[in-house]
Amino acid sequence: MSKTALITGVTGQDGSYLSELLLSKGYTVHGLVRRSSTFNTERIDHIYQGPQEEGRRFVLHHADLSDGVALVNLLREIQPDEVYNLGAQSHVRVSFDAPLYTGDVTGLGALRLLEAVRASGIETRVYQASSSEMFGSTPPPQNEQTPFHPRSPYGVAKVYGYWATVNYREAYGMYAVNGILFNHESPRRGETFVTRKITRAVARIKAGLQKELYLGNLDAVRDWGYAPEYVDAMWRMLQQEEPTDYVVATGVAATVRQFLETAFGHAGLDWEEHVRYDAKYERPSEVDALIGDASKAERLLGWKPEVLVEDLARIMVDADIRQVQDELSGVAVRVDR
């Protein structure tokens, strides 16, 4: 029999790629969507199925991680084999401006979902989207034994969700795992995240639609991977006999400046002619370097990244150039892979 999965944050970058992956494996996928007066489903419109379609395997539900009762009811209705908690306020810089909201949705939201699974009495496997931001100022390379020292409300909230997941695994025997994913990007990345902000600016500058790009700290070191590969690691974690936690990363370090050089250079542009500094993009407390050691994931899951940072930057620039060209020609904008 085919499996059923529930994904929170289904409209996000990871939710859209994970939905595609699970559908390709024969799953029925249920996704949580926050109620909004405007459509916010662009990343999943190409796989959307209306309620009237026969044999529908992709179903959306209006629910929220702030509503524990709704989560219990939904879990009892769906009876999913797997639950992927990808929902969060996930922008690190914004978390300093909205710390209470971030703590409620990103931290307590994970606990509400775990408690909903327990209270509903269903048998399911739970994936919690943890983050490299939990490591914060702890020196790299970071692995599953590295101590946490978060440097943002987002990182703090993710630490809470991490330990809640461990606690429910140990206290109730729940199959619950943390995927500690390092930065992972794609053409579907939100436009306010630094990598997509850069590649979108490259495309617009190339087309003469923009002249300058304003950024903050260019010396931050990150480990950037390709989102479609990272959702495959999520799925693999829930297929193992025993639940445990994994770091997912490439192990390759790059500064924001190096990402700039690759992205602008790929389009035949000199980044120094266009990039300007703006202090408002600096964090009150910075994370200097995040570089992951994913040897456990390679050993136990058979997972290994193929797309590294330079190829990633080129993929994203090419996709944004195509999108700008489509916009200028009046073609309906597509969501690139």
Protein backbone atom coordinates (compact mmCIF):
# COMPACT_ATOMS: atom_id res chain seq x y z
CA MET A 1 0.00 0.00 0.00
CA SER A 2 1.18 3.53 -0.70
CA LYS A 3 2.21 5.73 2.20
CA THR A 4 0.68 8.99 3.37
CA ALA A 5 2.72 11.99 4.49
CA LEU A 6 1.85 15.28 6.16
CA ILE A 7 4.08 18.30 5.49
CA THR A 8 3.95 21.54 7.42
CA GLY A 9 5.46 24.46 5.51
CA VAL A 10 4.43 22.79 2.26
CA THR A 11 4.42 26.09 0.33
CA GLY A 12 8.07 26.80 1.13
CA GLN A 13 11.18 25.89 -0.82
CA ASP A 14 11.75 22.59 0.98
CA GLY A 15 8.06 21.75 1.18
CA SER A 16 7.65 22.02 -2.58
CA TYR A 17 10.67 19.85 -3.39
CA LEU A 18 9.75 17.29 -0.73
CA SER A 19 6.19 17.10 -2.08
CA GLU A 20 7.54 16.37 -5.56
CA LEU A 21 9.87 13.69 -4.20
CA LEU A 22 7.18 11.92 -2.18
CA LEU A 23 4.66 12.06 -5.02
CA SER A 24 7.26 10.49 -7.33
CA LYS A 25 7.55 7.64 -4.79
CA GLY A 26 3.81 7.02 -4.82
CA TYR A 27 2.89 8.80 -1.59
CA THR A 28 -0.33 10.66 -0.93
CA VAL A 29 0.82 14.05 0.35
CA HIS A 30 -1.13 16.33 2.67
CA GLY A 31 0.17 19.86 3.20
CA LEU A 32 -0.59 22.54 5.77
CA VAL A 33 -1.27 26.01 4.39
CA ARG A 34 -1.76 29.12 6.49
CA ARG A 35 -4.93 31.04 5.71
CA SER A 36 -4.22 34.16 3.66
CA SER A 37 -6.32 36.62 1.68
CA THR A 38 -3.92 36.18 -1.23
CA PHE A 39 -2.60 33.05 -2.89
CA ASN A 40 0.80 31.99 -1.55
CA THR A 41 1.14 28.66 -3.32
CA GLU A 42 3.37 29.60 -6.27
CA ARG A 43 5.96 26.90 -5.53
CA ILE A 44 3.38 24.10 -5.55
CA ASP A 45 0.91 25.31 -8.19
CA HIS A 46 2.37 22.90 -10.74
CA ILE A 47 1.45 19.88 -8.59
CA TYR A 48 -1.81 21.21 -7.15
CA GLN A 49 -4.87 19.00 -7.56
CA GLY A 50 -8.37 20.35 -7.08
CA PRO A 51 -10.86 18.71 -4.71
CA GLN A 52 -12.91 17.46 -7.67
CA GLU A 53 -10.06 15.50 -9.26
CA GLU A 54 -10.30 11.73 -9.06
CA GLY A 55 -7.42 9.85 -7.48
CA ARG A 56 -6.11 13.01 -5.86
CA ARG A 57 -2.75 12.46 -4.11
CA PHE A 58 -1.87 16.05 -3.20
CA VAL A 59 -4.23 17.63 -0.68
CA LEU A 60 -3.96 21.00 1.07
CA HIS A 61 -5.45 21.87 4.46
CA HIS A 62 -5.77 25.23 6.20
CA ALA A 63 -4.07 24.88 9.58
CA ASP A 64 -1.37 26.53 11.64
CA LEU A 65 1.38 25.45 14.05
CA SER A 66 -0.06 27.85 16.62
CA ASP A 67 -3.29 25.79 16.85
CA GLY A 68 -2.62 22.52 18.67
CA VAL A 69 -6.26 21.37 18.65
CA ALA A 70 -6.48 21.70 14.87
CA LEU A 71 -3.27 19.68 14.55
CA VAL A 72 -4.69 16.83 16.66
CA ASN A 73 -7.88 16.73 14.61
CA LEU A 74 -5.99 16.80 11.32
CA LEU A 75 -3.62 14.01 12.36
CA ARG A 76 -6.56 11.81 13.38
CA GLU A 77 -8.24 12.48 10.05
CA ILE A 78 -5.20 11.89 7.83
CA GLN A 79 -3.46 9.09 9.80
CA PRO A 80 -0.12 9.85 8.12
CA ASP A 81 2.73 7.34 8.03
CA GLU A 82 5.23 10.22 8.07
CA VAL A 83 5.11 13.82 9.31
CA TYR A 84 7.62 16.41 8.14
CA ASN A 85 7.69 19.60 10.22
CA LEU A 86 9.14 22.21 7.87
CA GLY A 87 6.91 25.08 9.01
CA ALA A 88 8.66 28.00 10.73
CA GLN A 89 9.46 31.68 10.72
CA SER A 90 12.77 30.88 9.10
CA HIS A 91 14.43 34.21 8.34
CA VAL A 92 17.27 34.73 10.81
CA ARG A 93 17.49 38.52 10.51
CA VAL A 94 13.71 38.91 10.82
CA SER A 95 13.77 36.82 14.01
CA PHE A 96 15.49 39.74 15.78
CA ASP A 97 12.57 41.98 14.79
CA ALA A 98 9.88 39.40 15.67
CA PRO A 99 11.41 37.25 18.43
CA LEU A 100 8.17 36.29 20.18
CA TYR A 101 6.45 35.25 16.96
CA THR A 102 9.56 33.30 15.95
CA GLY A 103 9.67 31.54 19.32
CA ASP A 104 5.97 30.68 19.15
CA VAL A 105 5.90 29.26 15.63
CA THR A 106 9.44 27.90 15.24
CA GLY A 107 9.97 26.64 18.79
CA LEU A 108 6.60 26.01 20.43
CA GLY A 109 5.15 25.04 17.05
CA ALA A 110 7.44 22.00 16.99
CA LEU A 111 6.31 21.05 20.50
CA ARG A 112 2.64 21.47 19.59
CA LEU A 113 3.07 19.13 16.65
CA LEU A 114 4.88 16.50 18.72
CA GLU A 115 2.22 16.70 21.42
CA ALA A 116 -0.50 16.50 18.77
CA VAL A 117 1.06 13.29 17.46
CA ARG A 118 1.14 11.86 20.99
CA ALA A 119 -2.39 13.02 21.87
CA SER A 120 -3.89 11.75 18.62
CA GLY A 121 -2.66 8.24 19.36
CA ILE A 122 -1.48 7.62 15.81
CA GLU A 123 1.58 5.62 14.80
CA THR A 124 3.75 7.82 12.65
CA ARG A 125 7.34 8.90 12.09
CA VAL A 126 8.24 12.56 12.64
CA TYR A 127 10.92 14.64 10.98
CA GLN A 128 11.86 17.91 12.70
CA ALA A 129 13.64 20.52 10.55
CA SER A 130 16.50 21.61 12.76
CA SER A 131 19.10 24.13 11.65
CA SER A 132 22.82 24.80 11.54
CA GLU A 133 21.98 28.16 13.16
CA MET A 134 21.71 26.22 16.43
CA PHE A 135 25.51 25.93 16.46
CA GLY A 136 25.93 29.70 16.26
CA SER A 137 29.34 30.70 17.57
CA THR A 138 30.64 27.16 18.15
CA PRO A 139 33.69 26.77 15.87
CA PRO A 140 33.41 24.57 12.75
CA PRO A 141 33.32 21.93 11.55
CA GLN A 142 30.03 21.12 13.26
CA ASN A 143 28.56 17.63 13.59
CA GLU A 144 25.96 15.81 15.70
CA GLN A 145 28.12 16.06 18.85
CA THR A 146 28.94 19.78 18.51
CA PRO A 147 27.54 21.92 21.39
CA PHE A 148 24.87 24.47 20.53
CA HIS A 149 25.44 28.21 21.01
CA PRO A 150 22.69 29.97 19.02
CA ARG A 151 23.13 33.64 18.15
CA SER A 152 19.61 34.63 17.11
CA PRO A 153 16.02 34.17 18.29
CA TYR A 154 15.60 31.83 15.32
CA GLY A 155 18.54 29.69 16.45
CA VAL A 156 17.24 29.65 20.02
CA ALA A 157 13.79 28.55 18.85
CA LYS A 158 15.30 25.79 16.73
CA VAL A 159 17.27 24.52 19.73
CA TYR A 160 14.00 24.30 21.66
CA GLY A 161 12.39 22.31 18.84
CA TYR A 162 15.46 20.06 18.65
CA TRP A 163 15.38 19.11 22.33
CA ALA A 164 11.60 18.72 22.30
CA THR A 165 12.04 16.16 19.52
CA VAL A 166 14.73 14.30 21.46
CA ASN A 167 12.57 14.37 24.60
CA TYR A 168 9.50 12.93 22.88
CA ARG A 169 11.65 10.22 21.34
CA GLU A 170 13.09 9.26 24.72
CA ALA A 171 9.96 9.79 26.86
CA TYR A 172 7.33 8.21 24.63
CA GLY A 173 9.31 5.95 22.33
CA MET A 174 8.25 8.09 19.39
CA TYR A 175 10.04 7.70 16.06
CA ALA A 176 11.20 11.31 15.87
CA VAL A 177 14.39 12.60 14.26
CA ASN A 178 16.16 15.92 13.83
CA GLY A 179 17.66 16.81 10.49
CA ILE A 180 20.26 19.49 11.24
CA LEU A 181 20.42 20.99 7.77
CA PHE A 182 23.02 23.55 6.82
CA ASN A 183 22.15 26.30 4.34
CA HIS A 184 20.45 24.88 1.27
CA GLU A 185 19.31 26.99 -1.65
CA SER A 186 17.64 26.79 -5.04
CA PRO A 187 15.77 28.93 -7.58
CA ARG A 188 12.76 28.55 -5.26
CA ARG A 189 14.53 30.22 -2.34
CA GLY A 190 12.70 33.24 -0.93
CA GLU A 191 13.80 36.53 -2.45
CA THR A 192 14.82 38.05 0.92
CA PHE A 193 17.41 35.33 1.63
CA VAL A 194 20.92 36.44 0.73
CA THR A 195 21.70 33.89 -2.00
CA ARG A 196 18.45 34.49 -3.89
CA LYS A 197 18.72 38.22 -3.27
CA ILE A 198 22.10 38.09 -5.00
CA THR A 199 21.10 35.92 -7.98
CA ARG A 200 17.90 37.86 -8.57
CA ALA A 201 19.87 41.12 -8.52
CA VAL A 202 22.36 39.66 -11.01
CA ALA A 203 19.53 38.87 -13.43
CA ARG A 204 17.92 42.28 -13.02
CA ILE A 205 21.22 44.17 -13.39
CA LYS A 206 22.03 42.12 -16.48
CA ALA A 207 18.66 43.14 -17.94
CA GLY A 208 19.11 46.81 -17.04
CA LEU A 209 16.28 46.76 -14.46
CA GLN A 210 18.47 47.41 -11.43
CA LYS A 211 21.80 49.13 -10.80
CA GLU A 212 22.78 48.40 -7.21
CA LEU A 213 22.47 45.65 -4.60
CA TYR A 214 22.64 46.44 -0.88
CA LEU A 215 24.01 43.81 1.49
CA GLY A 216 25.40 43.51 5.02
CA ASN A 217 28.26 41.28 6.18
CA LEU A 218 30.17 39.83 3.21
CA ASP A 219 32.63 37.88 5.36
CA ALA A 220 30.16 35.40 6.87
CA VAL A 221 31.17 31.83 6.00
CA ARG A 222 28.46 29.33 5.12
CA ASP A 223 28.09 25.78 3.84
CA TRP A 224 25.64 26.04 0.93
CA GLY A 225 23.99 23.01 -0.68
CA TYR A 226 21.19 22.30 -3.15
CA ALA A 227 17.70 22.01 -1.65
CA PRO A 228 16.40 19.11 -3.83
CA GLU A 229 19.28 16.95 -2.57
CA TYR A 230 18.59 17.93 1.04
CA VAL A 231 14.92 16.89 0.98
CA ASP A 232 16.09 13.46 -0.21
CA ALA A 233 18.13 13.25 3.01
CA MET A 234 14.98 14.11 5.01
CA TRP A 235 13.11 11.21 3.44
CA ARG A 236 16.00 8.80 4.02
CA MET A 237 16.04 9.64 7.73
CA LEU A 238 12.49 8.34 8.16
CA GLN A 239 13.22 5.08 6.33
CA GLN A 240 15.79 3.84 8.85
CA GLU A 241 15.07 1.13 11.41
CA GLU A 242 16.03 3.29 14.40
CA PRO A 243 15.48 7.04 14.86
CA THR A 244 18.52 9.26 15.34
CA ASP A 245 19.66 12.79 14.42
CA TYR A 246 21.75 13.77 11.40
CA VAL A 247 23.75 16.73 10.11
CA VAL A 248 23.21 17.39 6.38
CA ALA A 249 25.84 19.56 4.70
CA THR A 250 28.41 19.70 1.90
CA GLY A 251 31.46 20.41 4.07
CA VAL A 252 32.50 23.14 1.61
CA ALA A 253 32.92 26.65 3.00
CA ALA A 254 32.33 29.89 1.12
CA THR A 255 31.91 33.51 2.12
CA VAL A 256 29.07 35.70 0.93
CA ARG A 257 31.74 37.58 -1.05
CA GLN A 258 32.74 34.38 -2.86
CA PHE A 259 29.11 33.63 -3.70
CA LEU A 260 28.87 37.18 -5.09
CA GLU A 261 31.96 36.69 -7.24
CA THR A 262 30.65 33.44 -8.71
CA ALA A 263 27.12 34.71 -9.32
CA PHE A 264 28.07 38.03 -10.91
CA GLY A 265 30.96 36.47 -12.81
CA HIS A 266 28.67 33.84 -14.33
CA ALA A 267 26.66 36.66 -15.89
CA GLY A 268 29.75 38.53 -17.07
CA LEU A 269 29.43 41.24 -14.39
CA ASP A 270 31.82 42.72 -11.83
CA TRP A 271 30.12 42.56 -8.43
CA GLU A 272 32.22 45.41 -7.01
CA GLU A 273 30.63 47.82 -9.48
CA HIS A 274 27.14 47.11 -8.16
CA VAL A 275 27.21 45.93 -4.52
CA ARG A 276 26.87 48.47 -1.73
CA TYR A 277 26.96 48.09 2.07
CA ASP A 278 23.95 48.82 4.28
CA ALA A 279 24.25 48.36 8.05
CA LYS A 280 20.56 47.51 8.41
CA TYR A 281 21.28 44.05 7.04
CA GLU A 282 23.76 43.28 9.82
CA ARG A 283 22.58 41.03 12.64
CA PRO A 284 22.87 42.24 16.27
CA SER A 285 24.93 39.09 16.92
CA GLU A 286 26.61 37.48 13.94
CA VAL A 287 27.40 33.84 13.21
CA ASP A 288 30.86 33.86 11.67
CA ALA A 289 31.22 30.36 10.24
CA LEU A 290 28.98 27.33 9.72
CA ILE A 291 30.61 24.34 8.02
CA GLY A 292 29.01 20.92 8.41
CA ASP A 293 30.41 17.42 8.80
CA ALA A 294 27.82 15.09 7.27
CA SER A 295 29.88 11.90 7.54
CA LYS A 296 27.19 10.21 9.68
CA ALA A 297 24.55 10.85 6.99
CA GLU A 298 26.88 9.46 4.33
CA ARG A 299 27.66 6.39 6.43
CA LEU A 300 24.13 5.52 7.63
CA LEU A 301 21.88 7.03 4.94
CA GLY A 302 24.11 6.64 1.90
CA TRP A 303 23.59 10.35 1.28
CA LYS A 304 26.23 12.54 -0.33
CA PRO A 305 25.85 15.98 -1.97
CA GLU A 306 26.59 16.41 -5.66
CA VAL A 307 25.89 20.12 -6.25
CA LEU A 308 28.41 22.35 -4.46
CA VAL A 309 28.39 26.10 -3.95
CA GLU A 310 29.78 27.32 -7.29
CA ASP A 311 27.45 25.15 -9.38
CA LEU A 312 24.59 26.15 -7.06
CA ALA A 313 25.22 29.85 -7.71
CA ARG A 314 25.24 29.24 -11.48
CA ILE A 315 22.00 27.22 -11.35
CA MET A 316 20.28 30.03 -9.44
CA VAL A 317 21.60 32.79 -11.71
CA ASP A 318 20.49 30.95 -14.84
CA ALA A 319 17.02 30.41 -13.38
CA ASP A 320 16.63 34.07 -12.38
CA ILE A 321 17.83 35.25 -15.81
CA ARG A 322 15.17 33.05 -17.42
CA GLN A 323 12.54 34.40 -15.04
CA VAL A 324 13.42 38.03 -15.83
CA GLN A 325 13.36 37.26 -19.56
CA ASP A 326 9.93 35.69 -19.18
CA GLU A 327 8.65 38.70 -17.25
CA LEU A 328 9.94 41.11 -19.89
CA SER A 329 8.40 39.07 -22.72
CA GLY A 330 5.06 38.73 -20.95
CA VAL A 331 5.33 34.96 -20.58
CA ALA A 332 3.78 33.44 -17.45
CA VAL A 333 6.62 33.03 -14.97
CA ARG A 334 7.53 29.43 -14.24
CA VAL A 335 9.06 28.05 -11.08
CA ASP A 336 12.40 26.58 -12.08
CA ARG A 337 13.92 23.52 -10.52
